[in-house]
Amino acid sequence: MILRMDRLQTELPMPKSPSPNDAAALQELLGGKYGEMSTLMNYTFQSFNMRGRIQIRPFYDLIANIATEEYGHIELVSYAINMLLTGTAKRDPDPVTAPLEGAKDARNSYHYLASGQAALPMDSMGNWWNGSYVTCTGNLKTDLLFNFNLECQARANKIRAYETVKDPCARAMVGYLLVRGGVHIVAYAKALEKLTGVDVGKLLPIPDVSNKKFPEARVHEEKGLHRKLYQFSPTDYATANKIWNGPHPEDGQEVTFEHLPKDFGAPVPDLAAEPQLNAPLDPDTIADVMKKMK
């Protein structure tokens, strides 16, 4: 089971202005083949389906912890998309005024015609995420190799997304994910090293671009966030430290396995309703409902 907190994993500044096309670009990091939905579902199914897990418990615990973190990454990308979409259209409950007219030139019309100006389980071109992106072979070595490749491909897409958008909200989100995704790359590299003896860390970074080139990533690395793997449970999944130990392959400093700190994350933005979409409801109805609930 996943313990959920009403927090984002990192703070997202409000966008300087609405940017529906930035939001469309970020959809790739959410529902693309190498997006956060794919990492979540790959690691979740691998952990659910792992047989003989008692004998290989550290590998199971590693994958389970990373899977849980990916849930929060989906949330983070979704909020960045929603924040960038906010204000794109006029807030007018009268449909005759064509309040969505300002969105007709946005690259992803699904954000307006098929949802309430919100993140969707799709990629940057509007292709829906699908389960064929999940690999769960039942062979630990094969799955770890796939996970390592998945995270490296995801990192490449994050870098391209960063190079596509300029809004501080979008870049803050991507910068954080570059660091945390980097932890997962190193984690799977260490798991493969424990399993095979091959020094996978010599391949890193993939792509050959340091996180230090990105100011929004560098600020987290300076706090050591690239060396921390989190235990997403008060008591369970604790043996991942048998894999996550030793030096970080890029800076040589010791990695650590930790519980989430008490001040982890940032408040979740409360985004204004969009009345032209009747979302969530008109003010009078909301007031009446809340009065009845008292």
C-alpha atoms as a PDB file:
ATOM      1  CA  MET A   1       0.000   0.000   0.000  1.00  0.00           C
ATOM      2  CA  ILE A   2       1.107   3.555  -0.673  1.00  0.00           C
ATOM      3  CA  LEU A   3       1.031   6.121   2.101  1.00  0.00           C
ATOM      4  CA  ARG A   4      -0.024   9.386   0.484  1.00  0.00           C
ATOM      5  CA  MET A   5       0.789  12.862   1.786  1.00  0.00           C
ATOM      6  CA  ASP A   6      -0.881  16.091   0.667  1.00  0.00           C
ATOM      7  CA  ARG A   7       2.457  17.540  -0.431  1.00  0.00           C
ATOM      8  CA  LEU A   8       4.378  17.913  -3.665  1.00  0.00           C
ATOM      9  CA  GLN A   9       7.895  16.492  -3.693  1.00  0.00           C
ATOM     10  CA  THR A  10       9.323  19.929  -4.436  1.00  0.00           C
ATOM     11  CA  GLU A  11       8.068  23.502  -4.649  1.00  0.00           C
ATOM     12  CA  LEU A  12       6.791  24.739  -8.004  1.00  0.00           C
ATOM     13  CA  PRO A  13       6.751  28.507  -8.580  1.00  0.00           C
ATOM     14  CA  MET A  14       3.662  29.916 -10.266  1.00  0.00           C
ATOM     15  CA  PRO A  15       4.237  30.397 -13.999  1.00  0.00           C
ATOM     16  CA  LYS A  16       4.977  33.915 -15.214  1.00  0.00           C
ATOM     17  CA  SER A  17       2.135  33.561 -17.708  1.00  0.00           C
ATOM     18  CA  PRO A  18      -0.098  30.815 -19.119  1.00  0.00           C
ATOM     19  CA  SER A  19       1.760  28.578 -21.564  1.00  0.00           C
ATOM     20  CA  PRO A  20      -0.357  25.819 -23.105  1.00  0.00           C
ATOM     21  CA  ASN A  21       2.403  24.751 -25.463  1.00  0.00           C
ATOM     22  CA  ASP A  22       4.869  24.359 -22.597  1.00  0.00           C
ATOM     23  CA  ALA A  23       2.202  22.214 -20.935  1.00  0.00           C
ATOM     24  CA  ALA A  24       1.920  20.144 -24.100  1.00  0.00           C
ATOM     25  CA  ALA A  25       5.682  19.562 -24.119  1.00  0.00           C
ATOM     26  CA  LEU A  26       5.635  18.428 -20.483  1.00  0.00           C
ATOM     27  CA  GLN A  27       2.998  15.827 -21.333  1.00  0.00           C
ATOM     28  CA  GLU A  28       5.843  13.736 -22.757  1.00  0.00           C
ATOM     29  CA  LEU A  29       7.335  13.477 -19.270  1.00  0.00           C
ATOM     30  CA  LEU A  30       3.980  12.308 -17.938  1.00  0.00           C
ATOM     31  CA  GLY A  31       2.433   9.908 -20.448  1.00  0.00           C
ATOM     32  CA  GLY A  32       5.163   9.330 -22.989  1.00  0.00           C
ATOM     33  CA  LYS A  33       6.819   5.949 -23.519  1.00  0.00           C
ATOM     34  CA  TYR A  34       9.611   7.013 -21.159  1.00  0.00           C
ATOM     35  CA  GLY A  35       7.473   9.211 -18.916  1.00  0.00           C
ATOM     36  CA  GLU A  36       6.621   8.961 -15.233  1.00  0.00           C
ATOM     37  CA  MET A  37       3.541   6.811 -15.809  1.00  0.00           C
ATOM     38  CA  SER A  38       5.780   4.248 -17.488  1.00  0.00           C
ATOM     39  CA  THR A  39       8.354   4.211 -14.698  1.00  0.00           C
ATOM     40  CA  LEU A  40       5.617   3.860 -12.074  1.00  0.00           C
ATOM     41  CA  MET A  41       3.833   1.005 -13.817  1.00  0.00           C
ATOM     42  CA  ASN A  42       6.994  -0.858 -14.806  1.00  0.00           C
ATOM     43  CA  TYR A  43       8.384  -0.923 -11.282  1.00  0.00           C
ATOM     44  CA  THR A  44       4.976  -1.508  -9.700  1.00  0.00           C
ATOM     45  CA  PHE A  45       4.230  -4.577 -11.797  1.00  0.00           C
ATOM     46  CA  GLN A  46       7.770  -5.884 -11.401  1.00  0.00           C
ATOM     47  CA  SER A  47       7.440  -5.615  -7.621  1.00  0.00           C
ATOM     48  CA  PHE A  48       3.945  -7.158  -7.588  1.00  0.00           C
ATOM     49  CA  ASN A  49       5.053 -10.061  -9.768  1.00  0.00           C
ATOM     50  CA  MET A  50       8.461 -10.794  -8.282  1.00  0.00           C
ATOM     51  CA  ARG A  51       8.754 -14.468  -7.333  1.00  0.00           C
ATOM     52  CA  GLY A  52      11.242 -15.804  -4.834  1.00  0.00           C
ATOM     53  CA  ARG A  53      11.438 -12.339  -3.315  1.00  0.00           C
ATOM     54  CA  ILE A  54      12.574 -13.661   0.072  1.00  0.00           C
ATOM     55  CA  GLN A  55      15.812 -14.849  -1.498  1.00  0.00           C
ATOM     56  CA  ILE A  56      16.366 -11.606  -3.406  1.00  0.00           C
ATOM     57  CA  ARG A  57      14.713  -9.255  -0.946  1.00  0.00           C
ATOM     58  CA  PRO A  58      17.111  -6.265  -1.398  1.00  0.00           C
ATOM     59  CA  PHE A  59      16.285  -6.100  -5.112  1.00  0.00           C
ATOM     60  CA  TYR A  60      12.564  -6.256  -4.367  1.00  0.00           C
ATOM     61  CA  ASP A  61      12.868  -3.524  -1.740  1.00  0.00           C
ATOM     62  CA  LEU A  62      14.862  -1.318  -4.116  1.00  0.00           C
ATOM     63  CA  ILE A  63      12.300  -1.567  -6.911  1.00  0.00           C
ATOM     64  CA  ALA A  64       9.378  -1.114  -4.483  1.00  0.00           C
ATOM     65  CA  ASN A  65      10.825   2.077  -2.995  1.00  0.00           C
ATOM     66  CA  ILE A  66      11.539   3.567  -6.404  1.00  0.00           C
ATOM     67  CA  ALA A  67       8.047   2.647  -7.640  1.00  0.00           C
ATOM     68  CA  THR A  68       6.521   4.559  -4.744  1.00  0.00           C
ATOM     69  CA  GLU A  69       8.563   7.660  -5.488  1.00  0.00           C
ATOM     70  CA  GLU A  70       7.398   7.567  -9.108  1.00  0.00           C
ATOM     71  CA  TYR A  71       3.799   8.018  -7.937  1.00  0.00           C
ATOM     72  CA  GLY A  72       4.819  11.395  -6.566  1.00  0.00           C
ATOM     73  CA  HIS A  73       6.609  12.246  -9.797  1.00  0.00           C
ATOM     74  CA  ILE A  74       3.377  11.760 -11.742  1.00  0.00           C
ATOM     75  CA  GLU A  75       1.726  14.178  -9.332  1.00  0.00           C
ATOM     76  CA  LEU A  76       4.522  16.721  -9.747  1.00  0.00           C
ATOM     77  CA  VAL A  77       4.415  16.717 -13.563  1.00  0.00           C
ATOM     78  CA  SER A  78       0.614  16.905 -13.491  1.00  0.00           C
ATOM     79  CA  TYR A  79       0.646  19.991 -11.289  1.00  0.00           C
ATOM     80  CA  ALA A  80       3.224  21.705 -13.488  1.00  0.00           C
ATOM     81  CA  ILE A  81       1.021  21.053 -16.529  1.00  0.00           C
ATOM     82  CA  ASN A  82      -2.085  22.316 -14.722  1.00  0.00           C
ATOM     83  CA  MET A  83      -0.300  25.447 -13.538  1.00  0.00           C
ATOM     84  CA  LEU A  84       0.896  26.242 -17.053  1.00  0.00           C
ATOM     85  CA  LEU A  85      -2.626  25.797 -18.424  1.00  0.00           C
ATOM     86  CA  THR A  86      -4.201  28.043 -15.801  1.00  0.00           C
ATOM     87  CA  GLY A  87      -5.419  31.303 -17.298  1.00  0.00           C
ATOM     88  CA  THR A  88      -5.148  30.230 -20.920  1.00  0.00           C
ATOM     89  CA  ALA A  89      -8.881  30.742 -21.451  1.00  0.00           C
ATOM     90  CA  LYS A  90     -11.251  33.455 -20.230  1.00  0.00           C
ATOM     91  CA  ARG A  91     -13.065  32.764 -16.981  1.00  0.00           C
ATOM     92  CA  ASP A  92     -16.616  33.305 -18.208  1.00  0.00           C
ATOM     93  CA  PRO A  93     -19.549  30.995 -17.448  1.00  0.00           C
ATOM     94  CA  ASP A  94     -21.432  32.266 -20.531  1.00  0.00           C
ATOM     95  CA  PRO A  95     -20.796  29.841 -23.424  1.00  0.00           C
ATOM     96  CA  VAL A  96     -21.999  32.376 -26.001  1.00  0.00           C
ATOM     97  CA  THR A  97     -18.876  34.486 -25.478  1.00  0.00           C
ATOM     98  CA  ALA A  98     -16.697  31.559 -26.644  1.00  0.00           C
ATOM     99  CA  PRO A  99     -14.564  31.574 -23.490  1.00  0.00           C
ATOM    100  CA  LEU A 100     -12.313  28.850 -24.866  1.00  0.00           C
ATOM    101  CA  GLU A 101     -11.519  30.766 -28.058  1.00  0.00           C
ATOM    102  CA  GLY A 102      -8.081  31.673 -26.774  1.00  0.00           C
ATOM    103  CA  ALA A 103      -7.149  28.001 -26.595  1.00  0.00           C
ATOM    104  CA  LYS A 104      -7.916  27.099 -30.208  1.00  0.00           C
ATOM    105  CA  ASP A 105      -4.301  27.604 -31.263  1.00  0.00           C
ATOM    106  CA  ALA A 106      -2.854  25.539 -28.410  1.00  0.00           C
ATOM    107  CA  ARG A 107      -0.952  22.524 -29.686  1.00  0.00           C
ATOM    108  CA  ASN A 108      -2.832  19.992 -27.558  1.00  0.00           C
ATOM    109  CA  SER A 109      -6.567  20.595 -27.919  1.00  0.00           C
ATOM    110  CA  TYR A 110      -7.325  17.678 -25.576  1.00  0.00           C
ATOM    111  CA  HIS A 111      -6.466  19.998 -22.689  1.00  0.00           C
ATOM    112  CA  TYR A 112      -9.588  22.011 -23.511  1.00  0.00           C
ATOM    113  CA  LEU A 113     -11.941  19.777 -25.483  1.00  0.00           C
ATOM    114  CA  ALA A 114     -11.509  16.561 -23.496  1.00  0.00           C
ATOM    115  CA  SER A 115     -10.656  17.809 -20.015  1.00  0.00           C
ATOM    116  CA  GLY A 116     -10.902  20.810 -17.712  1.00  0.00           C
ATOM    117  CA  GLN A 117      -7.579  22.380 -18.734  1.00  0.00           C
ATOM    118  CA  ALA A 118      -5.789  19.553 -16.989  1.00  0.00           C
ATOM    119  CA  ALA A 119      -2.990  17.016 -17.288  1.00  0.00           C
ATOM    120  CA  LEU A 120      -3.903  13.843 -19.145  1.00  0.00           C
ATOM    121  CA  PRO A 121      -2.368  10.346 -19.435  1.00  0.00           C
ATOM    122  CA  MET A 122      -0.866  11.041 -22.836  1.00  0.00           C
ATOM    123  CA  ASP A 123       2.365  12.108 -24.500  1.00  0.00           C
ATOM    124  CA  SER A 124       3.280  15.449 -26.075  1.00  0.00           C
ATOM    125  CA  MET A 125       1.545  14.545 -29.334  1.00  0.00           C
ATOM    126  CA  GLY A 126      -1.740  13.481 -27.728  1.00  0.00           C
ATOM    127  CA  ASN A 127      -1.116   9.730 -27.926  1.00  0.00           C
ATOM    128  CA  TRP A 128      -2.650   8.024 -24.892  1.00  0.00           C
ATOM    129  CA  TRP A 129      -0.372   6.157 -22.522  1.00  0.00           C
ATOM    130  CA  ASN A 130      -0.767   2.397 -22.869  1.00  0.00           C
ATOM    131  CA  GLY A 131       0.230  -0.768 -21.074  1.00  0.00           C
ATOM    132  CA  SER A 132       2.530  -1.958 -23.851  1.00  0.00           C
ATOM    133  CA  TYR A 133       5.144   0.338 -22.300  1.00  0.00           C
ATOM    134  CA  VAL A 134       5.377  -2.056 -19.316  1.00  0.00           C
ATOM    135  CA  THR A 135       8.113  -4.688 -19.282  1.00  0.00           C
ATOM    136  CA  CYS A 136       7.946  -7.367 -16.616  1.00  0.00           C
ATOM    137  CA  THR A 137       9.833 -10.440 -17.785  1.00  0.00           C
ATOM    138  CA  GLY A 138      10.151 -12.323 -14.509  1.00  0.00           C
ATOM    139  CA  ASN A 139      13.923 -12.377 -15.016  1.00  0.00           C
ATOM    140  CA  LEU A 140      15.640 -10.065 -12.548  1.00  0.00           C
ATOM    141  CA  LYS A 141      18.670  -9.326 -14.713  1.00  0.00           C
ATOM    142  CA  THR A 142      16.538  -8.508 -17.754  1.00  0.00           C
ATOM    143  CA  ASP A 143      14.172  -6.304 -15.766  1.00  0.00           C
ATOM    144  CA  LEU A 144      17.024  -4.386 -14.145  1.00  0.00           C
ATOM    145  CA  LEU A 145      18.637  -3.817 -17.541  1.00  0.00           C
ATOM    146  CA  PHE A 146      15.318  -2.558 -18.866  1.00  0.00           C
ATOM    147  CA  ASN A 147      14.869  -0.261 -15.862  1.00  0.00           C
ATOM    148  CA  PHE A 148      18.343   1.179 -16.301  1.00  0.00           C
ATOM    149  CA  ASN A 149      17.623   1.878 -19.967  1.00  0.00           C
ATOM    150  CA  LEU A 150      14.176   3.291 -19.145  1.00  0.00           C
ATOM    151  CA  GLU A 151      15.625   5.786 -16.687  1.00  0.00           C
ATOM    152  CA  CYS A 152      18.385   6.824 -19.106  1.00  0.00           C
ATOM    153  CA  GLN A 153      15.861   7.341 -21.906  1.00  0.00           C
ATOM    154  CA  ALA A 154      13.633   9.269 -19.492  1.00  0.00           C
ATOM    155  CA  ARG A 155      16.578  11.487 -18.580  1.00  0.00           C
ATOM    156  CA  ALA A 156      17.200  12.260 -22.254  1.00  0.00           C
ATOM    157  CA  ASN A 157      13.593  13.317 -22.662  1.00  0.00           C
ATOM    158  CA  LYS A 158      13.752  15.495 -19.553  1.00  0.00           C
ATOM    159  CA  ILE A 159      16.806  17.286 -20.953  1.00  0.00           C
ATOM    160  CA  ARG A 160      15.026  17.873 -24.265  1.00  0.00           C
ATOM    161  CA  ALA A 161      11.935  19.131 -22.444  1.00  0.00           C
ATOM    162  CA  TYR A 162      14.116  21.523 -20.427  1.00  0.00           C
ATOM    163  CA  GLU A 163      15.636  22.812 -23.655  1.00  0.00           C
ATOM    164  CA  THR A 164      12.122  23.333 -25.051  1.00  0.00           C
ATOM    165  CA  VAL A 165      10.557  25.362 -22.215  1.00  0.00           C
ATOM    166  CA  LYS A 166      11.664  28.532 -20.446  1.00  0.00           C
ATOM    167  CA  ASP A 167       8.995  29.015 -17.790  1.00  0.00           C
ATOM    168  CA  PRO A 168      10.417  28.809 -14.229  1.00  0.00           C
ATOM    169  CA  CYS A 169       7.627  26.440 -13.142  1.00  0.00           C
ATOM    170  CA  ALA A 170       8.385  23.960 -15.921  1.00  0.00           C
ATOM    171  CA  ARG A 171      12.134  24.172 -15.417  1.00  0.00           C
ATOM    172  CA  ALA A 172      11.898  23.788 -11.632  1.00  0.00           C
ATOM    173  CA  MET A 173       9.915  20.598 -12.110  1.00  0.00           C
ATOM    174  CA  VAL A 174      12.304  19.202 -14.728  1.00  0.00           C
ATOM    175  CA  GLY A 175      15.361  20.144 -12.669  1.00  0.00           C
ATOM    176  CA  TYR A 176      14.075  18.224  -9.665  1.00  0.00           C
ATOM    177  CA  LEU A 177      13.231  15.177 -11.774  1.00  0.00           C
ATOM    178  CA  LEU A 178      16.675  15.199 -13.371  1.00  0.00           C
ATOM    179  CA  VAL A 179      18.178  14.783  -9.912  1.00  0.00           C
ATOM    180  CA  ARG A 180      15.752  12.171  -8.608  1.00  0.00           C
ATOM    181  CA  GLY A 181      15.738  10.275 -11.889  1.00  0.00           C
ATOM    182  CA  GLY A 182      19.533  10.301 -11.657  1.00  0.00           C
ATOM    183  CA  VAL A 183      19.244   8.547  -8.290  1.00  0.00           C
ATOM    184  CA  HIS A 184      17.182   5.822  -9.920  1.00  0.00           C
ATOM    185  CA  ILE A 185      19.699   5.406 -12.741  1.00  0.00           C
ATOM    186  CA  VAL A 186      22.504   4.945 -10.232  1.00  0.00           C
ATOM    187  CA  ALA A 187      20.340   2.621  -8.123  1.00  0.00           C
ATOM    188  CA  TYR A 188      19.714   0.279 -11.042  1.00  0.00           C
ATOM    189  CA  ALA A 189      23.382   0.491 -12.032  1.00  0.00           C
ATOM    190  CA  LYS A 190      24.370  -0.579  -8.507  1.00  0.00           C
ATOM    191  CA  ALA A 191      21.784  -3.378  -8.572  1.00  0.00           C
ATOM    192  CA  LEU A 192      23.237  -4.709 -11.833  1.00  0.00           C
ATOM    193  CA  GLU A 193      26.738  -4.464 -10.367  1.00  0.00           C
ATOM    194  CA  LYS A 194      25.690  -6.507  -7.303  1.00  0.00           C
ATOM    195  CA  LEU A 195      24.021  -9.065  -9.535  1.00  0.00           C
ATOM    196  CA  THR A 196      26.681  -9.403 -12.249  1.00  0.00           C
ATOM    197  CA  GLY A 197      29.924  -7.789 -11.106  1.00  0.00           C
ATOM    198  CA  VAL A 198      29.905  -5.470 -14.140  1.00  0.00           C
ATOM    199  CA  ASP A 199      30.872  -1.853 -13.363  1.00  0.00           C
ATOM    200  CA  VAL A 200      27.807  -0.224 -14.905  1.00  0.00           C
ATOM    201  CA  GLY A 201      28.555   3.088 -13.208  1.00  0.00           C
ATOM    202  CA  LYS A 202      31.348   3.717 -15.712  1.00  0.00           C
ATOM    203  CA  LEU A 203      28.657   4.357 -18.326  1.00  0.00           C
ATOM    204  CA  LEU A 204      27.230   7.347 -16.462  1.00  0.00           C
ATOM    205  CA  PRO A 205      26.000   9.932 -17.055  1.00  0.00           C
ATOM    206  CA  ILE A 206      23.688   8.967 -19.915  1.00  0.00           C
ATOM    207  CA  PRO A 207      23.289  11.205 -21.903  1.00  0.00           C
ATOM    208  CA  ASP A 208      26.735  12.708 -21.422  1.00  0.00           C
ATOM    209  CA  VAL A 209      25.408  15.907 -19.840  1.00  0.00           C
ATOM    210  CA  SER A 210      25.985  16.669 -16.170  1.00  0.00           C
ATOM    211  CA  ASN A 211      23.058  17.776 -14.000  1.00  0.00           C
ATOM    212  CA  LYS A 212      25.302  20.614 -12.880  1.00  0.00           C
ATOM    213  CA  LYS A 213      24.639  22.338 -16.215  1.00  0.00           C
ATOM    214  CA  PHE A 214      21.026  22.912 -15.171  1.00  0.00           C
ATOM    215  CA  PRO A 215      20.642  25.541 -12.395  1.00  0.00           C
ATOM    216  CA  GLU A 216      17.332  24.035 -11.250  1.00  0.00           C
ATOM    217  CA  ALA A 217      19.012  20.634 -10.849  1.00  0.00           C
ATOM    218  CA  ARG A 218      22.278  21.938  -9.439  1.00  0.00           C
ATOM    219  CA  VAL A 219      20.510  23.538  -6.468  1.00  0.00           C
ATOM    220  CA  HIS A 220      19.268  20.090  -5.388  1.00  0.00           C
ATOM    221  CA  GLU A 221      22.613  18.376  -6.006  1.00  0.00           C
ATOM    222  CA  GLU A 222      24.322  20.959  -3.818  1.00  0.00           C
ATOM    223  CA  LYS A 223      22.059  19.705  -1.007  1.00  0.00           C
ATOM    224  CA  GLY A 224      23.138  16.115  -1.712  1.00  0.00           C
ATOM    225  CA  LEU A 225      19.748  15.018  -3.047  1.00  0.00           C
ATOM    226  CA  HIS A 226      21.405  13.027  -5.841  1.00  0.00           C
ATOM    227  CA  ARG A 227      22.984  10.724  -3.233  1.00  0.00           C
ATOM    228  CA  LYS A 228      19.804   9.911  -1.252  1.00  0.00           C
ATOM    229  CA  LEU A 229      17.508   6.968  -1.818  1.00  0.00           C
ATOM    230  CA  TYR A 230      14.357   7.150   0.275  1.00  0.00           C
ATOM    231  CA  GLN A 231      12.649   4.385   2.233  1.00  0.00           C
ATOM    232  CA  PHE A 232       8.968   5.059   1.528  1.00  0.00           C
ATOM    233  CA  SER A 233       7.712   3.140   4.543  1.00  0.00           C
ATOM    234  CA  PRO A 234       8.194   3.478   8.303  1.00  0.00           C
ATOM    235  CA  THR A 235       9.333  -0.146   8.584  1.00  0.00           C
ATOM    236  CA  ASP A 236       9.140  -2.035   5.277  1.00  0.00           C
ATOM    237  CA  TYR A 237      11.413  -2.183   2.211  1.00  0.00           C
ATOM    238  CA  ALA A 238      14.401  -1.609   4.450  1.00  0.00           C
ATOM    239  CA  THR A 239      17.000  -3.885   2.852  1.00  0.00           C
ATOM    240  CA  ALA A 240      17.506  -1.694  -0.220  1.00  0.00           C
ATOM    241  CA  ASN A 241      20.580  -0.379   1.603  1.00  0.00           C
ATOM    242  CA  LYS A 242      22.334  -3.664   0.780  1.00  0.00           C
ATOM    243  CA  ILE A 243      22.352  -2.393  -2.807  1.00  0.00           C
ATOM    244  CA  TRP A 244      22.282   1.373  -2.325  1.00  0.00           C
ATOM    245  CA  ASN A 245      25.642   1.888  -0.660  1.00  0.00           C
ATOM    246  CA  GLY A 246      29.190   2.878  -1.511  1.00  0.00           C
ATOM    247  CA  PRO A 247      30.356   5.846  -3.581  1.00  0.00           C
ATOM    248  CA  HIS A 248      28.267   7.723  -6.104  1.00  0.00           C
ATOM    249  CA  PRO A 249      29.794   6.910  -9.520  1.00  0.00           C
ATOM    250  CA  GLU A 250      29.905  10.557 -10.628  1.00  0.00           C
ATOM    251  CA  ASP A 251      31.255  12.441  -7.598  1.00  0.00           C
ATOM    252  CA  GLY A 252      32.656   9.621  -5.455  1.00  0.00           C
ATOM    253  CA  GLN A 253      30.765  10.678  -2.329  1.00  0.00           C
ATOM    254  CA  GLU A 254      28.956   8.117  -0.171  1.00  0.00           C
ATOM    255  CA  VAL A 255      25.291   7.501  -0.959  1.00  0.00           C
ATOM    256  CA  THR A 256      22.722   7.241   1.843  1.00  0.00           C
ATOM    257  CA  PHE A 257      19.444   5.384   2.424  1.00  0.00           C
ATOM    258  CA  GLU A 258      17.040   7.489   4.489  1.00  0.00           C
ATOM    259  CA  HIS A 259      13.490   7.904   5.704  1.00  0.00           C
ATOM    260  CA  LEU A 260      11.654  10.935   4.395  1.00  0.00           C
ATOM    261  CA  PRO A 261      12.429  13.996   6.541  1.00  0.00           C
ATOM    262  CA  LYS A 262       9.520  15.521   8.444  1.00  0.00           C
ATOM    263  CA  ASP A 263       9.678  18.701   6.355  1.00  0.00           C
ATOM    264  CA  PHE A 264       9.783  16.803   3.061  1.00  0.00           C
ATOM    265  CA  GLY A 265       8.114  18.434   0.065  1.00  0.00           C
ATOM    266  CA  ALA A 266       6.107  21.591  -0.443  1.00  0.00           C
ATOM    267  CA  PRO A 267       2.455  22.654  -0.232  1.00  0.00           C
ATOM    268  CA  VAL A 268       0.167  21.642  -3.069  1.00  0.00           C
ATOM    269  CA  PRO A 269      -1.038  24.648  -5.116  1.00  0.00           C
ATOM    270  CA  ASP A 270      -4.777  25.307  -4.884  1.00  0.00           C
ATOM    271  CA  LEU A 271      -5.658  26.265  -8.437  1.00  0.00           C
ATOM    272  CA  ALA A 272      -8.703  28.413  -9.133  1.00  0.00           C
ATOM    273  CA  ALA A 273     -11.824  26.888 -10.659  1.00  0.00           C
ATOM    274  CA  GLU A 274     -12.528  27.443 -14.341  1.00  0.00           C
ATOM    275  CA  PRO A 275     -16.194  28.557 -14.454  1.00  0.00           C
ATOM    276  CA  GLN A 276     -16.492  28.302 -18.228  1.00  0.00           C
ATOM    277  CA  LEU A 277     -16.044  24.554 -17.710  1.00  0.00           C
ATOM    278  CA  ASN A 278     -18.420  24.451 -14.729  1.00  0.00           C
ATOM    279  CA  ALA A 279     -15.491  23.234 -12.665  1.00  0.00           C
ATOM    280  CA  PRO A 280     -15.979  22.281  -9.994  1.00  0.00           C
ATOM    281  CA  LEU A 281     -19.500  23.821  -9.606  1.00  0.00           C
ATOM    282  CA  ASP A 282     -21.026  27.269  -9.532  1.00  0.00           C
ATOM    283  CA  PRO A 283     -20.416  29.194  -6.262  1.00  0.00           C
ATOM    284  CA  ASP A 284     -24.036  29.017  -5.091  1.00  0.00           C
ATOM    285  CA  THR A 285     -24.118  25.239  -5.463  1.00  0.00           C
ATOM    286  CA  ILE A 286     -20.803  24.872  -3.655  1.00  0.00           C
ATOM    287  CA  ALA A 287     -22.007  27.051  -0.771  1.00  0.00           C
ATOM    288  CA  ASP A 288     -25.207  25.013  -0.495  1.00  0.00           C
ATOM    289  CA  VAL A 289     -23.343  21.695  -0.517  1.00  0.00           C
ATOM    290  CA  MET A 290     -20.822  22.835   2.100  1.00  0.00           C
ATOM    291  CA  LYS A 291     -23.633  24.134   4.317  1.00  0.00           C
ATOM    292  CA  LYS A 292     -25.315  20.732   4.237  1.00  0.00           C
ATOM    293  CA  MET A 293     -22.040  19.007   5.136  1.00  0.00           C
ATOM    294  CA  LYS A 294     -21.524  21.004   8.343  1.00  0.00           C
END
